[in-house]
Amino acid sequence: MTEKPIFARVQRKMIAARIEFLAALARVQSIELPNIPTEEECSPLQIAYHLSITDGLALEQMYRIQEEDTPQIINIAEIATHTPVNLSSPSSLPSILATMTAQREAIFRYLASLPESAWARSFHQEQWGQHKFEQFINLLPLHDKLATHQLEMIRARRTQSS
């Protein structure tokens, strides 16, 4: 089976951004994972959790874009950011990473199954206006990069205060 050019390009970007995030997460000491740096920030564990939530929401929106005519979709980053994290729950780093992996695999399976024409389908989002499916997919590696930047900022502050 030959890879579809759009899918292959997007998949490479998504994998590269996720690897960068995982590398940044690996540089965080395990004892610091649940620690919240400031009231305005999330802990490294919360950042990972929010990424896992974002992937799940993104997949739901992908289905809507493909099944409905120009659907009004949600801002996945905004929803995930406001999803509370109860750190006393059984959410551990291994369980969050397993969820992230499963969701990303589901996204790749779905994207690989789409014909090239599907990447041109339109959607509407309140803040962004009307866009194409491929533009929506390109938000996922950007969200990973933002999360990586958050981890790097936390780590830099901890290094400076030590």
Protein backbone atom coordinates (compact mmCIF):
# COMPACT_ATOMS: atom_id res chain seq x y z
CA MET A 1 0.00 0.00 0.00
CA THR A 2 1.43 3.38 -0.91
CA GLU A 3 1.25 6.20 1.61
CA LYS A 4 -0.91 9.14 0.81
CA PRO A 5 1.21 12.30 0.43
CA ILE A 6 -0.86 14.53 2.73
CA PHE A 7 -1.15 11.86 5.43
CA ALA A 8 2.58 11.07 5.29
CA ARG A 9 3.53 14.74 5.63
CA VAL A 10 1.14 15.36 8.52
CA GLN A 11 2.11 12.14 10.26
CA ARG A 12 5.81 13.10 10.19
CA LYS A 13 5.01 16.49 11.76
CA MET A 14 2.82 14.92 14.43
CA ILE A 15 5.42 12.28 15.32
CA ALA A 16 8.27 14.79 15.48
CA ALA A 17 6.31 17.13 17.74
CA ARG A 18 5.24 14.29 20.05
CA ILE A 19 8.83 13.01 20.31
CA GLU A 20 9.96 16.52 21.31
CA PHE A 21 7.24 16.62 23.97
CA LEU A 22 8.15 13.19 25.33
CA ALA A 23 11.84 14.15 25.45
CA ALA A 24 10.98 17.30 27.41
CA LEU A 25 8.77 15.26 29.74
CA ALA A 26 11.59 12.75 30.27
CA ARG A 27 13.86 15.58 31.44
CA VAL A 28 11.43 16.30 34.30
CA GLN A 29 12.32 14.41 37.47
CA SER A 30 9.58 11.98 38.44
CA ILE A 31 9.14 13.58 41.85
CA GLU A 32 8.35 16.91 40.12
CA LEU A 33 5.65 15.53 37.79
CA PRO A 34 2.65 16.33 40.00
CA ASN A 35 4.09 19.59 41.40
CA ILE A 36 2.33 22.75 40.26
CA PRO A 37 4.97 25.46 39.70
CA THR A 38 2.63 28.46 40.20
CA GLU A 39 -1.09 29.04 40.53
CA GLU A 40 -1.25 30.14 36.87
CA GLU A 41 0.55 27.07 35.51
CA CYS A 42 -0.08 23.37 35.21
CA SER A 43 2.13 20.62 36.54
CA PRO A 44 4.05 18.48 34.04
CA LEU A 45 1.58 15.66 34.74
CA GLN A 46 -1.36 17.98 34.04
CA ILE A 47 0.26 19.13 30.79
CA ALA A 48 0.58 15.50 29.65
CA TYR A 49 -3.02 14.84 30.71
CA HIS A 50 -4.26 17.84 28.74
CA LEU A 51 -2.46 16.58 25.63
CA SER A 52 -4.20 13.22 26.00
CA ILE A 53 -7.56 14.99 26.35
CA THR A 54 -6.81 17.12 23.28
CA ASP A 55 -6.13 14.06 21.11
CA GLY A 56 -9.42 12.47 22.15
CA LEU A 57 -11.37 15.66 21.45
CA ALA A 58 -9.55 16.13 18.15
CA LEU A 59 -10.56 12.67 16.94
CA GLU A 60 -14.21 13.40 17.75
CA GLN A 61 -13.99 16.65 15.76
CA MET A 62 -12.29 14.86 12.83
CA TYR A 63 -15.26 12.51 12.57
CA ARG A 64 -17.64 15.49 12.60
CA ILE A 65 -15.72 17.30 9.87
CA GLN A 66 -15.85 14.22 7.66
CA GLU A 67 -19.47 13.28 8.39
CA GLU A 68 -21.21 16.68 8.45
CA ASP A 69 -21.36 19.50 5.92
CA THR A 70 -19.20 22.38 7.22
CA PRO A 71 -19.77 21.59 10.91
CA GLN A 72 -19.30 24.11 13.70
CA ILE A 73 -16.55 22.53 15.80
CA ILE A 74 -15.22 23.28 19.27
CA ASN A 75 -11.85 24.79 20.10
CA ILE A 76 -10.16 21.61 21.36
CA ALA A 77 -7.24 23.44 22.99
CA GLU A 78 -9.59 25.65 24.97
CA ILE A 79 -11.74 22.75 26.16
CA ALA A 80 -8.74 20.63 27.17
CA THR A 81 -7.13 23.50 29.07
CA HIS A 82 -10.28 23.96 31.17
CA THR A 83 -10.72 20.26 31.90
CA PRO A 84 -9.92 19.84 35.60
CA VAL A 85 -7.33 17.31 36.66
CA ASN A 86 -7.87 15.51 39.93
CA LEU A 87 -4.39 14.36 40.87
CA SER A 88 -5.77 12.17 43.65
CA SER A 89 -7.38 10.02 40.95
CA PRO A 90 -5.56 6.97 39.56
CA SER A 91 -4.10 9.07 36.71
CA SER A 92 -0.44 8.23 36.76
CA LEU A 93 2.16 9.07 34.17
CA PRO A 94 2.12 5.50 32.75
CA SER A 95 -1.68 5.55 32.40
CA ILE A 96 -1.63 9.01 30.79
CA LEU A 97 1.13 7.93 28.37
CA ALA A 98 -0.80 4.77 27.50
CA THR A 99 -3.90 6.85 26.76
CA MET A 100 -1.86 9.29 24.68
CA THR A 101 -0.38 6.42 22.67
CA ALA A 102 -3.73 4.73 22.07
CA GLN A 103 -5.40 7.96 21.00
CA ARG A 104 -2.58 8.95 18.67
CA GLU A 105 -2.66 5.46 17.09
CA ALA A 106 -6.42 5.82 16.59
CA ILE A 107 -5.88 9.22 14.95
CA PHE A 108 -3.24 7.79 12.60
CA ARG A 109 -5.47 4.82 11.67
CA TYR A 110 -8.33 7.18 10.91
CA LEU A 111 -6.23 9.65 8.91
CA ALA A 112 -4.61 6.83 6.92
CA SER A 113 -8.04 5.56 5.92
CA LEU A 114 -9.16 8.86 4.41
CA PRO A 115 -9.04 9.55 0.68
CA GLU A 116 -7.04 12.59 -0.44
CA SER A 117 -10.28 14.49 -1.14
CA ALA A 118 -11.25 14.28 2.55
CA TRP A 119 -8.39 16.61 3.50
CA ALA A 120 -10.14 19.47 1.68
CA ARG A 121 -13.40 19.22 3.64
CA SER A 122 -14.41 22.44 5.37
CA PHE A 123 -15.38 23.19 8.94
CA HIS A 124 -16.16 26.33 10.88
CA GLN A 125 -14.91 27.32 14.29
CA GLU A 126 -16.15 30.41 16.10
CA GLN A 127 -12.76 32.10 16.69
CA TRP A 128 -10.96 30.82 13.57
CA GLY A 129 -13.66 31.07 10.94
CA GLN A 130 -13.86 28.58 8.08
CA HIS A 131 -10.91 26.27 7.42
CA LYS A 132 -10.01 22.97 5.78
CA PHE A 133 -9.57 19.61 7.48
CA GLU A 134 -5.82 19.60 6.87
CA GLN A 135 -5.50 22.91 8.74
CA PHE A 136 -7.30 21.37 11.71
CA ILE A 137 -4.93 18.39 11.72
CA ASN A 138 -1.94 20.74 11.60
CA LEU A 139 -3.06 22.16 14.96
CA LEU A 140 -2.12 18.91 16.74
CA PRO A 141 1.67 19.22 16.31
CA LEU A 142 1.38 22.90 17.24
CA HIS A 143 -0.40 21.93 20.45
CA ASP A 144 2.38 19.42 21.22
CA LYS A 145 4.97 22.15 20.65
CA LEU A 146 3.14 24.49 23.02
CA ALA A 147 3.09 21.76 25.69
CA THR A 148 6.82 21.16 25.11
CA HIS A 149 7.47 24.87 25.57
CA GLN A 150 5.49 24.83 28.84
CA LEU A 151 7.61 21.95 30.15
CA GLU A 152 10.82 23.71 29.13
CA MET A 153 9.74 26.91 30.91
CA ILE A 154 8.98 24.98 34.11
CA ARG A 155 12.33 23.23 33.92
CA ALA A 156 14.19 26.50 33.26
CA ARG A 157 12.57 28.16 36.29
CA ARG A 158 13.43 25.21 38.51
CA THR A 159 17.04 25.26 37.26
CA GLN A 160 17.32 28.99 37.98
CA SER A 161 15.89 28.66 41.49
CA SER A 162 18.22 25.77 42.43
